[in-house]
Amino acid sequence: MVMSMTGFGRAEISVGTRDIIVEIKSVNHRYYEFSCRTGRGYSFLEDKLKKYVGEKVSRGKVDMYVSVTENDDTAVEVELNRPLAKGYIDAMHTLAKDYGVREDISVSVLARISDIFQIHRPPTDEEAVFNDVKVAVDEALSHFLEMRRAEGDRLRADILSRAEHIISIVGEIEERSPITVQEYRERLYAKLKDVLQSNNIDEQRILTEAAIFADKVAVDEETVRLRSHFDQMKSFLDSDQPIGRKLDFIVQEMNREANTIGSKVTDSKLAHKVVEIKGEIEKIREQVQNIE
């Protein structure tokens, strides 16, 4: 099954006393790279989630956002730092007195000074939190992976379509290549006849020259290897394993064979066919860059 490296998934659930939101998205990357944003006090989730997601994703730059809201009223205790609060109030009185400004100290004003409050949380059961978050992560991952699969199916269909087109062009090259040798032999015979102005042409010389030419322009080995690369690529596209790097290597090999064929052909029709093959291989390469 072909998987794209791009995808998005989101889940919003309530588990026990926790409201949890998880978003996950990914873009192309040579390797697996994971980053996670969590609320204050939940950074311990990052390493756990990196490993957990890494069991299902092998390539791509993955970004995850996790929000955990505790709805238990007894979960947090807020204590007033009385000495610090008194110090602020005394300083405000002095400010108003010494500079003649209106004294408007109120609870709402003091509440904006966060350091006069001390927040006490009970010890966090990290494993319990992770287990709850996993429920949301699994749902988000399900949507995320489904999007990757759908995009992967599209990529697979496009690559196979282009592969079939290339194979058809290869068949045309294989069919045309022997004809170019025959045409070369006929041109050579006509040229010698014109130069020698005689019908007494050394047929053996013609055959020898044609044989040398045929050897120089023979592309049988390259087309056979090219077909083999496409067969291998098709087998990878039917695999359940990550195949992006393997496909990338095969595309390089296909491009190498196409370049060799291009360097051998002297016929303009075949040269145009090779250009068409290389164009299709480049489009396949671009698609392969998106595959996990």
C-alpha atoms as a PDB file:
ATOM      1  CA  MET A   1       0.000   0.000   0.000  1.00  0.00           C
ATOM      2  CA  VAL A   2       1.481   3.324  -1.080  1.00  0.00           C
ATOM      3  CA  MET A   3       1.443   6.047   1.588  1.00  0.00           C
ATOM      4  CA  SER A   4       1.927   9.729   0.906  1.00  0.00           C
ATOM      5  CA  MET A   5       4.069  11.773   3.289  1.00  0.00           C
ATOM      6  CA  THR A   6       1.485  14.555   3.498  1.00  0.00           C
ATOM      7  CA  GLY A   7      -1.589  14.303   5.689  1.00  0.00           C
ATOM      8  CA  PHE A   8      -3.701  15.874   8.423  1.00  0.00           C
ATOM      9  CA  GLY A   9      -5.818  14.523  11.263  1.00  0.00           C
ATOM     10  CA  ARG A  10      -7.700  16.007  14.205  1.00  0.00           C
ATOM     11  CA  ALA A  11      -9.542  14.642  17.226  1.00  0.00           C
ATOM     12  CA  GLU A  12     -11.394  16.319  20.094  1.00  0.00           C
ATOM     13  CA  ILE A  13     -12.598  14.069  22.914  1.00  0.00           C
ATOM     14  CA  SER A  14     -13.366  13.978  26.624  1.00  0.00           C
ATOM     15  CA  VAL A  15     -11.840  11.228  28.730  1.00  0.00           C
ATOM     16  CA  GLY A  16     -12.678  11.181  32.433  1.00  0.00           C
ATOM     17  CA  THR A  17     -12.005  14.661  33.754  1.00  0.00           C
ATOM     18  CA  ARG A  18      -9.932  15.718  30.769  1.00  0.00           C
ATOM     19  CA  ASP A  19     -10.854  17.476  27.534  1.00  0.00           C
ATOM     20  CA  ILE A  20      -8.219  16.613  24.927  1.00  0.00           C
ATOM     21  CA  ILE A  21      -7.562  18.070  21.484  1.00  0.00           C
ATOM     22  CA  VAL A  22      -4.976  16.533  19.146  1.00  0.00           C
ATOM     23  CA  GLU A  23      -3.956  17.762  15.703  1.00  0.00           C
ATOM     24  CA  ILE A  24      -1.344  16.078  13.542  1.00  0.00           C
ATOM     25  CA  LYS A  25      -0.021  17.067  10.136  1.00  0.00           C
ATOM     26  CA  SER A  26       2.992  16.146   8.035  1.00  0.00           C
ATOM     27  CA  VAL A  27       4.921  17.228   4.952  1.00  0.00           C
ATOM     28  CA  ASN A  28       7.685  15.652   2.898  1.00  0.00           C
ATOM     29  CA  HIS A  29      11.006  14.941   4.565  1.00  0.00           C
ATOM     30  CA  ARG A  30      13.879  12.615   3.842  1.00  0.00           C
ATOM     31  CA  TYR A  31      13.613  10.998   7.280  1.00  0.00           C
ATOM     32  CA  TYR A  32      11.152  10.829  10.187  1.00  0.00           C
ATOM     33  CA  GLU A  33      11.161  14.086  12.108  1.00  0.00           C
ATOM     34  CA  PHE A  34       8.707  14.748  14.929  1.00  0.00           C
ATOM     35  CA  SER A  35       7.859  17.878  16.890  1.00  0.00           C
ATOM     36  CA  CYS A  36       5.092  18.353  19.432  1.00  0.00           C
ATOM     37  CA  ARG A  37       3.516  21.367  21.149  1.00  0.00           C
ATOM     38  CA  THR A  38       1.842  20.726  24.486  1.00  0.00           C
ATOM     39  CA  GLY A  39       0.418  22.883  27.258  1.00  0.00           C
ATOM     40  CA  ARG A  40       2.431  23.828  30.320  1.00  0.00           C
ATOM     41  CA  GLY A  41       3.078  20.830  32.531  1.00  0.00           C
ATOM     42  CA  TYR A  42       2.618  18.253  29.781  1.00  0.00           C
ATOM     43  CA  SER A  43       6.003  18.332  28.076  1.00  0.00           C
ATOM     44  CA  PHE A  44       6.604  14.754  29.334  1.00  0.00           C
ATOM     45  CA  LEU A  45       4.232  13.649  26.554  1.00  0.00           C
ATOM     46  CA  GLU A  46       6.587  14.685  23.758  1.00  0.00           C
ATOM     47  CA  ASP A  47       9.072  11.801  23.875  1.00  0.00           C
ATOM     48  CA  LYS A  48       6.318   9.260  24.437  1.00  0.00           C
ATOM     49  CA  LEU A  49       4.313  10.549  21.468  1.00  0.00           C
ATOM     50  CA  LYS A  50       7.371  10.696  19.226  1.00  0.00           C
ATOM     51  CA  LYS A  51       7.965   7.002  19.796  1.00  0.00           C
ATOM     52  CA  TYR A  52       4.268   6.128  19.553  1.00  0.00           C
ATOM     53  CA  VAL A  53       3.717   7.963  16.250  1.00  0.00           C
ATOM     54  CA  GLY A  54       7.044   6.653  14.941  1.00  0.00           C
ATOM     55  CA  GLU A  55       5.633   3.128  15.108  1.00  0.00           C
ATOM     56  CA  LYS A  56       3.091   4.122  12.437  1.00  0.00           C
ATOM     57  CA  VAL A  57       4.999   6.722  10.413  1.00  0.00           C
ATOM     58  CA  SER A  58       8.435   6.049   8.939  1.00  0.00           C
ATOM     59  CA  ARG A  59       9.077   9.207   6.883  1.00  0.00           C
ATOM     60  CA  GLY A  60       7.911  12.794   6.875  1.00  0.00           C
ATOM     61  CA  LYS A  61       8.153  15.928   8.998  1.00  0.00           C
ATOM     62  CA  VAL A  62       5.370  15.412  11.537  1.00  0.00           C
ATOM     63  CA  ASP A  63       3.981  18.262  13.668  1.00  0.00           C
ATOM     64  CA  MET A  64       1.576  17.507  16.516  1.00  0.00           C
ATOM     65  CA  TYR A  65      -0.415  19.789  18.797  1.00  0.00           C
ATOM     66  CA  VAL A  66      -1.854  18.458  22.062  1.00  0.00           C
ATOM     67  CA  SER A  67      -4.160  20.391  24.391  1.00  0.00           C
ATOM     68  CA  VAL A  68      -5.196  18.892  27.732  1.00  0.00           C
ATOM     69  CA  THR A  69      -7.769  20.702  29.884  1.00  0.00           C
ATOM     70  CA  GLU A  70      -8.401  19.405  33.414  1.00  0.00           C
ATOM     71  CA  ASN A  71     -12.017  19.732  34.554  1.00  0.00           C
ATOM     72  CA  ASP A  72     -11.493  18.473  38.104  1.00  0.00           C
ATOM     73  CA  ASP A  73     -12.097  21.420  40.505  1.00  0.00           C
ATOM     74  CA  THR A  74      -9.875  19.847  43.138  1.00  0.00           C
ATOM     75  CA  ALA A  75      -7.019  19.303  40.775  1.00  0.00           C
ATOM     76  CA  VAL A  76      -5.473  22.748  41.340  1.00  0.00           C
ATOM     77  CA  GLU A  77      -5.044  24.810  44.514  1.00  0.00           C
ATOM     78  CA  VAL A  78      -4.215  28.508  44.328  1.00  0.00           C
ATOM     79  CA  GLU A  79      -2.506  30.013  47.395  1.00  0.00           C
ATOM     80  CA  LEU A  80      -2.015  33.719  48.005  1.00  0.00           C
ATOM     81  CA  ASN A  81       1.561  34.765  48.701  1.00  0.00           C
ATOM     82  CA  ARG A  82       0.603  37.183  51.461  1.00  0.00           C
ATOM     83  CA  PRO A  83       4.020  38.821  52.132  1.00  0.00           C
ATOM     84  CA  LEU A  84       4.477  39.460  48.410  1.00  0.00           C
ATOM     85  CA  ALA A  85       0.921  40.799  48.051  1.00  0.00           C
ATOM     86  CA  LYS A  86       1.458  43.144  51.020  1.00  0.00           C
ATOM     87  CA  GLY A  87       4.710  44.351  49.477  1.00  0.00           C
ATOM     88  CA  TYR A  88       2.918  45.222  46.220  1.00  0.00           C
ATOM     89  CA  ILE A  89       0.105  47.018  48.069  1.00  0.00           C
ATOM     90  CA  ASP A  90       2.521  49.037  50.225  1.00  0.00           C
ATOM     91  CA  ALA A  91       4.502  49.988  47.119  1.00  0.00           C
ATOM     92  CA  MET A  92       1.312  51.142  45.389  1.00  0.00           C
ATOM     93  CA  HIS A  93       0.321  53.267  48.400  1.00  0.00           C
ATOM     94  CA  THR A  94       3.757  54.879  48.374  1.00  0.00           C
ATOM     95  CA  LEU A  95       3.511  55.478  44.620  1.00  0.00           C
ATOM     96  CA  ALA A  96       0.161  57.218  45.010  1.00  0.00           C
ATOM     97  CA  LYS A  97       1.361  59.322  47.953  1.00  0.00           C
ATOM     98  CA  ASP A  98       4.759  60.380  46.620  1.00  0.00           C
ATOM     99  CA  TYR A  99       3.626  61.217  43.087  1.00  0.00           C
ATOM    100  CA  GLY A 100       0.140  62.474  43.725  1.00  0.00           C
ATOM    101  CA  VAL A 101      -1.617  59.958  41.539  1.00  0.00           C
ATOM    102  CA  ARG A 102      -5.044  58.510  42.183  1.00  0.00           C
ATOM    103  CA  GLU A 103      -4.997  55.454  44.370  1.00  0.00           C
ATOM    104  CA  ASP A 104      -7.176  52.813  42.697  1.00  0.00           C
ATOM    105  CA  ILE A 105      -5.921  49.538  44.115  1.00  0.00           C
ATOM    106  CA  SER A 106      -8.445  46.754  43.607  1.00  0.00           C
ATOM    107  CA  VAL A 107      -8.552  42.974  43.550  1.00  0.00           C
ATOM    108  CA  SER A 108      -8.720  43.000  39.756  1.00  0.00           C
ATOM    109  CA  VAL A 109      -5.542  45.081  39.617  1.00  0.00           C
ATOM    110  CA  LEU A 110      -3.706  42.768  41.982  1.00  0.00           C
ATOM    111  CA  ALA A 111      -4.964  39.681  40.137  1.00  0.00           C
ATOM    112  CA  ARG A 112      -2.951  40.751  37.112  1.00  0.00           C
ATOM    113  CA  ILE A 113       0.219  40.244  39.134  1.00  0.00           C
ATOM    114  CA  SER A 114       0.606  36.527  38.642  1.00  0.00           C
ATOM    115  CA  ASP A 115       3.570  35.996  40.951  1.00  0.00           C
ATOM    116  CA  ILE A 116       1.551  36.792  44.102  1.00  0.00           C
ATOM    117  CA  PHE A 117      -0.327  33.537  43.523  1.00  0.00           C
ATOM    118  CA  GLN A 118       1.215  30.148  44.073  1.00  0.00           C
ATOM    119  CA  ILE A 119      -0.369  27.285  42.157  1.00  0.00           C
ATOM    120  CA  HIS A 120      -0.170  23.827  43.676  1.00  0.00           C
ATOM    121  CA  ARG A 121      -1.032  20.814  41.570  1.00  0.00           C
ATOM    122  CA  PRO A 122      -1.220  17.259  42.851  1.00  0.00           C
ATOM    123  CA  PRO A 123       1.447  14.950  41.443  1.00  0.00           C
ATOM    124  CA  THR A 124       0.608  14.149  37.833  1.00  0.00           C
ATOM    125  CA  ASP A 125       0.051  10.518  36.953  1.00  0.00           C
ATOM    126  CA  GLU A 126       1.979  10.735  33.687  1.00  0.00           C
ATOM    127  CA  GLU A 127       1.039   7.261  32.544  1.00  0.00           C
ATOM    128  CA  ALA A 128      -2.663   7.922  33.095  1.00  0.00           C
ATOM    129  CA  VAL A 129      -2.470  11.205  31.201  1.00  0.00           C
ATOM    130  CA  PHE A 130      -0.598   9.539  28.337  1.00  0.00           C
ATOM    131  CA  ASN A 131      -3.174   6.751  28.139  1.00  0.00           C
ATOM    132  CA  ASP A 132      -5.978   9.313  27.915  1.00  0.00           C
ATOM    133  CA  VAL A 133      -4.101  11.345  25.291  1.00  0.00           C
ATOM    134  CA  LYS A 134      -3.464   8.181  23.301  1.00  0.00           C
ATOM    135  CA  VAL A 135      -7.208   7.770  22.794  1.00  0.00           C
ATOM    136  CA  ALA A 136      -7.337  11.147  21.048  1.00  0.00           C
ATOM    137  CA  VAL A 137      -4.055  10.507  19.228  1.00  0.00           C
ATOM    138  CA  ASP A 138      -5.378   7.226  17.843  1.00  0.00           C
ATOM    139  CA  GLU A 139      -8.450   8.944  16.454  1.00  0.00           C
ATOM    140  CA  ALA A 140      -6.394  11.778  14.936  1.00  0.00           C
ATOM    141  CA  LEU A 141      -3.919   9.257  13.519  1.00  0.00           C
ATOM    142  CA  SER A 142      -6.760   7.318  11.940  1.00  0.00           C
ATOM    143  CA  HIS A 143      -7.863  10.393   9.957  1.00  0.00           C
ATOM    144  CA  PHE A 144      -4.247  11.322   9.273  1.00  0.00           C
ATOM    145  CA  LEU A 145      -3.292   7.902   7.904  1.00  0.00           C
ATOM    146  CA  GLU A 146      -6.485   7.658   5.854  1.00  0.00           C
ATOM    147  CA  MET A 147      -5.585  10.918   4.134  1.00  0.00           C
ATOM    148  CA  ARG A 148      -2.072   9.611   3.508  1.00  0.00           C
ATOM    149  CA  ARG A 149      -3.473   6.389   2.041  1.00  0.00           C
ATOM    150  CA  ALA A 150      -5.889   8.258  -0.240  1.00  0.00           C
ATOM    151  CA  GLU A 151      -3.106  10.500  -1.508  1.00  0.00           C
ATOM    152  CA  GLY A 152      -0.856   7.449  -1.855  1.00  0.00           C
ATOM    153  CA  ASP A 153      -3.455   5.732  -4.053  1.00  0.00           C
ATOM    154  CA  ARG A 154      -3.527   8.769  -6.313  1.00  0.00           C
ATOM    155  CA  LEU A 155       0.264   8.842  -6.530  1.00  0.00           C
ATOM    156  CA  ARG A 156       0.382   5.114  -7.297  1.00  0.00           C
ATOM    157  CA  ALA A 157      -2.166   5.450 -10.110  1.00  0.00           C
ATOM    158  CA  ASP A 158      -0.304   8.376 -11.645  1.00  0.00           C
ATOM    159  CA  ILE A 159       3.079   6.622 -11.482  1.00  0.00           C
ATOM    160  CA  LEU A 160       1.709   3.409 -13.012  1.00  0.00           C
ATOM    161  CA  SER A 161       0.022   5.370 -15.791  1.00  0.00           C
ATOM    162  CA  ARG A 162       3.283   7.117 -16.650  1.00  0.00           C
ATOM    163  CA  ALA A 163       5.178   3.826 -16.395  1.00  0.00           C
ATOM    164  CA  GLU A 164       2.859   2.193 -18.919  1.00  0.00           C
ATOM    165  CA  HIS A 165       3.340   5.128 -21.258  1.00  0.00           C
ATOM    166  CA  ILE A 166       7.119   4.848 -20.970  1.00  0.00           C
ATOM    167  CA  ILE A 167       7.026   1.107 -21.627  1.00  0.00           C
ATOM    168  CA  SER A 168       4.989   1.743 -24.778  1.00  0.00           C
ATOM    169  CA  ILE A 169       7.634   4.232 -25.946  1.00  0.00           C
ATOM    170  CA  VAL A 170      10.375   1.709 -25.155  1.00  0.00           C
ATOM    171  CA  GLY A 171       8.543  -0.747 -27.418  1.00  0.00           C
ATOM    172  CA  GLU A 172       8.555   1.823 -30.201  1.00  0.00           C
ATOM    173  CA  ILE A 173      12.303   2.346 -29.739  1.00  0.00           C
ATOM    174  CA  GLU A 174      12.939  -1.400 -29.829  1.00  0.00           C
ATOM    175  CA  GLU A 175      10.892  -1.628 -33.019  1.00  0.00           C
ATOM    176  CA  ARG A 176      12.527   1.368 -34.677  1.00  0.00           C
ATOM    177  CA  SER A 177      16.153   0.634 -33.695  1.00  0.00           C
ATOM    178  CA  PRO A 178      16.790  -2.235 -36.224  1.00  0.00           C
ATOM    179  CA  ILE A 179      15.203  -0.127 -38.962  1.00  0.00           C
ATOM    180  CA  THR A 180      17.790   2.622 -38.385  1.00  0.00           C
ATOM    181  CA  VAL A 181      20.542   0.076 -39.074  1.00  0.00           C
ATOM    182  CA  GLN A 182      18.876  -0.936 -42.346  1.00  0.00           C
ATOM    183  CA  GLU A 183      18.488   2.727 -43.312  1.00  0.00           C
ATOM    184  CA  TYR A 184      22.141   3.361 -42.492  1.00  0.00           C
ATOM    185  CA  ARG A 185      23.180   0.432 -44.678  1.00  0.00           C
ATOM    186  CA  GLU A 186      21.097   1.791 -47.568  1.00  0.00           C
ATOM    187  CA  ARG A 187      22.525   5.300 -47.180  1.00  0.00           C
ATOM    188  CA  LEU A 188      26.047   3.918 -47.039  1.00  0.00           C
ATOM    189  CA  TYR A 189      25.464   1.844 -50.196  1.00  0.00           C
ATOM    190  CA  ALA A 190      24.041   4.861 -52.034  1.00  0.00           C
ATOM    191  CA  LYS A 191      26.942   7.074 -50.974  1.00  0.00           C
ATOM    192  CA  LEU A 192      29.595   4.561 -52.075  1.00  0.00           C
ATOM    193  CA  LYS A 193      27.799   4.018 -55.361  1.00  0.00           C
ATOM    194  CA  ASP A 194      27.729   7.751 -55.948  1.00  0.00           C
ATOM    195  CA  VAL A 195      31.419   8.152 -55.078  1.00  0.00           C
ATOM    196  CA  LEU A 196      32.610   5.148 -57.056  1.00  0.00           C
ATOM    197  CA  GLN A 197      30.098   5.718 -59.862  1.00  0.00           C
ATOM    198  CA  SER A 198      29.852   2.008 -60.293  1.00  0.00           C
ATOM    199  CA  ASN A 199      27.648  -0.909 -59.383  1.00  0.00           C
ATOM    200  CA  ASN A 200      30.747  -2.844 -58.370  1.00  0.00           C
ATOM    201  CA  ILE A 201      30.362  -2.222 -54.623  1.00  0.00           C
ATOM    202  CA  ASP A 202      32.148  -4.294 -51.991  1.00  0.00           C
ATOM    203  CA  GLU A 203      29.146  -5.829 -50.238  1.00  0.00           C
ATOM    204  CA  GLN A 204      31.342  -7.186 -47.448  1.00  0.00           C
ATOM    205  CA  ARG A 205      32.509  -3.688 -46.643  1.00  0.00           C
ATOM    206  CA  ILE A 206      28.912  -2.512 -46.474  1.00  0.00           C
ATOM    207  CA  LEU A 207      28.015  -5.344 -44.130  1.00  0.00           C
ATOM    208  CA  THR A 208      31.054  -4.666 -41.918  1.00  0.00           C
ATOM    209  CA  GLU A 209      30.304  -0.956 -41.629  1.00  0.00           C
ATOM    210  CA  ALA A 210      26.657  -1.664 -40.923  1.00  0.00           C
ATOM    211  CA  ALA A 211      27.625  -4.174 -38.239  1.00  0.00           C
ATOM    212  CA  ILE A 212      29.889  -1.627 -36.551  1.00  0.00           C
ATOM    213  CA  PHE A 213      27.121   0.963 -36.688  1.00  0.00           C
ATOM    214  CA  ALA A 214      24.565  -1.517 -35.319  1.00  0.00           C
ATOM    215  CA  ASP A 215      26.846  -2.281 -32.370  1.00  0.00           C
ATOM    216  CA  LYS A 216      27.301   1.414 -31.588  1.00  0.00           C
ATOM    217  CA  VAL A 217      23.603   2.215 -31.629  1.00  0.00           C
ATOM    218  CA  ALA A 218      22.319  -1.010 -30.046  1.00  0.00           C
ATOM    219  CA  VAL A 219      20.105  -0.217 -27.091  1.00  0.00           C
ATOM    220  CA  ASP A 220      18.806  -3.728 -26.392  1.00  0.00           C
ATOM    221  CA  GLU A 221      20.610  -4.048 -23.049  1.00  0.00           C
ATOM    222  CA  GLU A 222      19.391  -0.650 -21.863  1.00  0.00           C
ATOM    223  CA  THR A 223      15.760  -1.267 -22.826  1.00  0.00           C
ATOM    224  CA  VAL A 224      15.833  -4.679 -21.120  1.00  0.00           C
ATOM    225  CA  ARG A 225      17.187  -3.097 -17.932  1.00  0.00           C
ATOM    226  CA  LEU A 226      14.663  -0.291 -18.202  1.00  0.00           C
ATOM    227  CA  ARG A 227      11.823  -2.801 -18.409  1.00  0.00           C
ATOM    228  CA  SER A 228      13.303  -4.648 -15.437  1.00  0.00           C
ATOM    229  CA  HIS A 229      13.406  -1.443 -13.383  1.00  0.00           C
ATOM    230  CA  PHE A 230       9.739  -0.791 -14.147  1.00  0.00           C
ATOM    231  CA  ASP A 231       8.797  -4.345 -13.150  1.00  0.00           C
ATOM    232  CA  GLN A 232      10.632  -3.868  -9.871  1.00  0.00           C
ATOM    233  CA  MET A 233       8.977  -0.508  -9.327  1.00  0.00           C
ATOM    234  CA  LYS A 234       5.534  -2.059  -9.834  1.00  0.00           C
ATOM    235  CA  SER A 235       6.302  -4.766  -7.288  1.00  0.00           C
ATOM    236  CA  PHE A 236       7.338  -2.102  -4.760  1.00  0.00           C
ATOM    237  CA  LEU A 237       4.098  -0.200  -5.389  1.00  0.00           C
ATOM    238  CA  ASP A 238       2.209  -3.331  -4.294  1.00  0.00           C
ATOM    239  CA  SER A 239       4.248  -3.664  -1.100  1.00  0.00           C
ATOM    240  CA  ASP A 240       2.942  -2.937   2.413  1.00  0.00           C
ATOM    241  CA  GLN A 241       6.328  -1.579   3.491  1.00  0.00           C
ATOM    242  CA  PRO A 242       7.668   2.009   3.188  1.00  0.00           C
ATOM    243  CA  ILE A 243       9.065   2.233  -0.353  1.00  0.00           C
ATOM    244  CA  GLY A 244       9.955   5.896  -0.917  1.00  0.00           C
ATOM    245  CA  ARG A 245      13.738   5.495  -0.720  1.00  0.00           C
ATOM    246  CA  LYS A 246      13.699   2.343  -2.857  1.00  0.00           C
ATOM    247  CA  LEU A 247      11.631   4.061  -5.528  1.00  0.00           C
ATOM    248  CA  ASP A 248      13.952   7.047  -5.467  1.00  0.00           C
ATOM    249  CA  PHE A 249      16.913   4.761  -6.203  1.00  0.00           C
ATOM    250  CA  ILE A 250      15.068   2.939  -9.002  1.00  0.00           C
ATOM    251  CA  VAL A 251      14.110   6.238 -10.651  1.00  0.00           C
ATOM    252  CA  GLN A 252      17.798   7.223 -10.651  1.00  0.00           C
ATOM    253  CA  GLU A 253      18.641   3.949 -12.379  1.00  0.00           C
ATOM    254  CA  MET A 254      15.859   4.437 -14.948  1.00  0.00           C
ATOM    255  CA  ASN A 255      17.136   7.913 -15.698  1.00  0.00           C
ATOM    256  CA  ARG A 256      20.654   6.516 -16.150  1.00  0.00           C
ATOM    257  CA  GLU A 257      19.417   3.964 -18.700  1.00  0.00           C
ATOM    258  CA  ALA A 258      17.443   6.656 -20.548  1.00  0.00           C
ATOM    259  CA  ASN A 259      20.560   8.854 -20.716  1.00  0.00           C
ATOM    260  CA  THR A 260      22.587   5.958 -22.133  1.00  0.00           C
ATOM    261  CA  ILE A 261      19.941   5.284 -24.781  1.00  0.00           C
ATOM    262  CA  GLY A 262      19.931   8.983 -25.639  1.00  0.00           C
ATOM    263  CA  SER A 263      23.712   8.995 -26.083  1.00  0.00           C
ATOM    264  CA  LYS A 264      23.519   6.056 -28.508  1.00  0.00           C
ATOM    265  CA  VAL A 265      20.667   6.928 -30.825  1.00  0.00           C
ATOM    266  CA  THR A 266      21.451   8.938 -33.965  1.00  0.00           C
ATOM    267  CA  ASP A 267      17.969   8.863 -35.438  1.00  0.00           C
ATOM    268  CA  SER A 268      15.919  12.039 -34.828  1.00  0.00           C
ATOM    269  CA  LYS A 269      12.703  10.090 -34.282  1.00  0.00           C
ATOM    270  CA  LEU A 270      14.340   7.962 -31.609  1.00  0.00           C
ATOM    271  CA  ALA A 271      15.926  11.041 -30.031  1.00  0.00           C
ATOM    272  CA  HIS A 272      12.465  12.580 -29.620  1.00  0.00           C
ATOM    273  CA  LYS A 273      11.229   9.346 -28.040  1.00  0.00           C
ATOM    274  CA  VAL A 274      14.097   9.415 -25.528  1.00  0.00           C
ATOM    275  CA  VAL A 275      13.288  13.024 -24.611  1.00  0.00           C
ATOM    276  CA  GLU A 276       9.695  11.971 -23.992  1.00  0.00           C
ATOM    277  CA  ILE A 277      10.847   9.079 -21.779  1.00  0.00           C
ATOM    278  CA  LYS A 278      13.102  11.358 -19.732  1.00  0.00           C
ATOM    279  CA  GLY A 279      10.269  13.840 -19.279  1.00  0.00           C
ATOM    280  CA  GLU A 280       7.976  11.110 -17.941  1.00  0.00           C
ATOM    281  CA  ILE A 281      10.707   9.744 -15.647  1.00  0.00           C
ATOM    282  CA  GLU A 282      11.180  13.240 -14.212  1.00  0.00           C
ATOM    283  CA  LYS A 283       7.446  13.469 -13.480  1.00  0.00           C
ATOM    284  CA  ILE A 284       7.624  10.068 -11.772  1.00  0.00           C
ATOM    285  CA  ARG A 285      10.589  11.292  -9.734  1.00  0.00           C
ATOM    286  CA  GLU A 286       8.568  14.290  -8.542  1.00  0.00           C
ATOM    287  CA  GLN A 287       5.752  11.997  -7.433  1.00  0.00           C
ATOM    288  CA  VAL A 288       8.126   9.589  -5.716  1.00  0.00           C
ATOM    289  CA  GLN A 289       9.376  12.493  -3.551  1.00  0.00           C
ATOM    290  CA  ASN A 290       5.930  12.485  -1.911  1.00  0.00           C
ATOM    291  CA  ILE A 291       5.894   8.775  -1.046  1.00  0.00           C
ATOM    292  CA  GLU A 292       6.721   7.470   2.421  1.00  0.00           C
END
